[in-house]
Amino acid sequence: MSLNLMKSFKKAVLVAALFSAGVANAALYQFNLTGDYTASWQLNSTVTPDDGAVGAGFILYDVEGNFPGSAIDYADLTFYNADLGGGLEIYDYYGDLELMLSDGPQLYSGSEDAPTFSLGSFALTEYGGTGRYTLTVTNLDAGPGPGPGTDPAPGEVPEPASIAMLLGGLGLMASMKKRRAAK
């Protein structure tokens, strides 16, 4: 293989590695809480918690949304591990007011350091009270359209990882062609 072709191939592999090593695609999730307290907010499917403890849960500070009773529509959200009764707490830090505290299922999978939210509808009950709530979590990025493994619709742009694989494959084919021609 010639030196120039080898350099080109290494560059293509490096570009492919950089594209595929990027940040994982996180879907945008819509959270709608109904029942004795209503609220709504959006978060990525995977988040980096601001605080938390393994086996207990995690906290996200200053989440923007619609939180009735809050001072400025920002709230601290605590998602509890199933070992602590699961559920969710909505706390208005700026107004120093607990807006809602519930028990229920654990609303995420994975560790408290790297959680992934669960999709669906979840029945929650007020911690130490009689309140009833339903939390519905939907994927806003999963709109109608072609499913996985289908060709993108006209006008759609392929993901960087797809482009990286294409470049890597073309580089490999070029090096194989050059090697065969040299024989």
Foldseek 3Di string as FASTA:
>chain_A
DDPVLVVLLVVLLVLLCVQVPDDDDWFKKWKWKDFPFTWIAIDTQKDAFPDDDWQFWGKHFFGATGGPPAPHRTWIKTFTAVVVQTDIWTARPVVRGTRADWGWHRQWDDTRRITGGDAAKTWIAGVVDGTIMIMGMDGPVPDDDDDPPDDHDPPDDDGSNVVSVVSNVVSVVVVVVVVVVVD
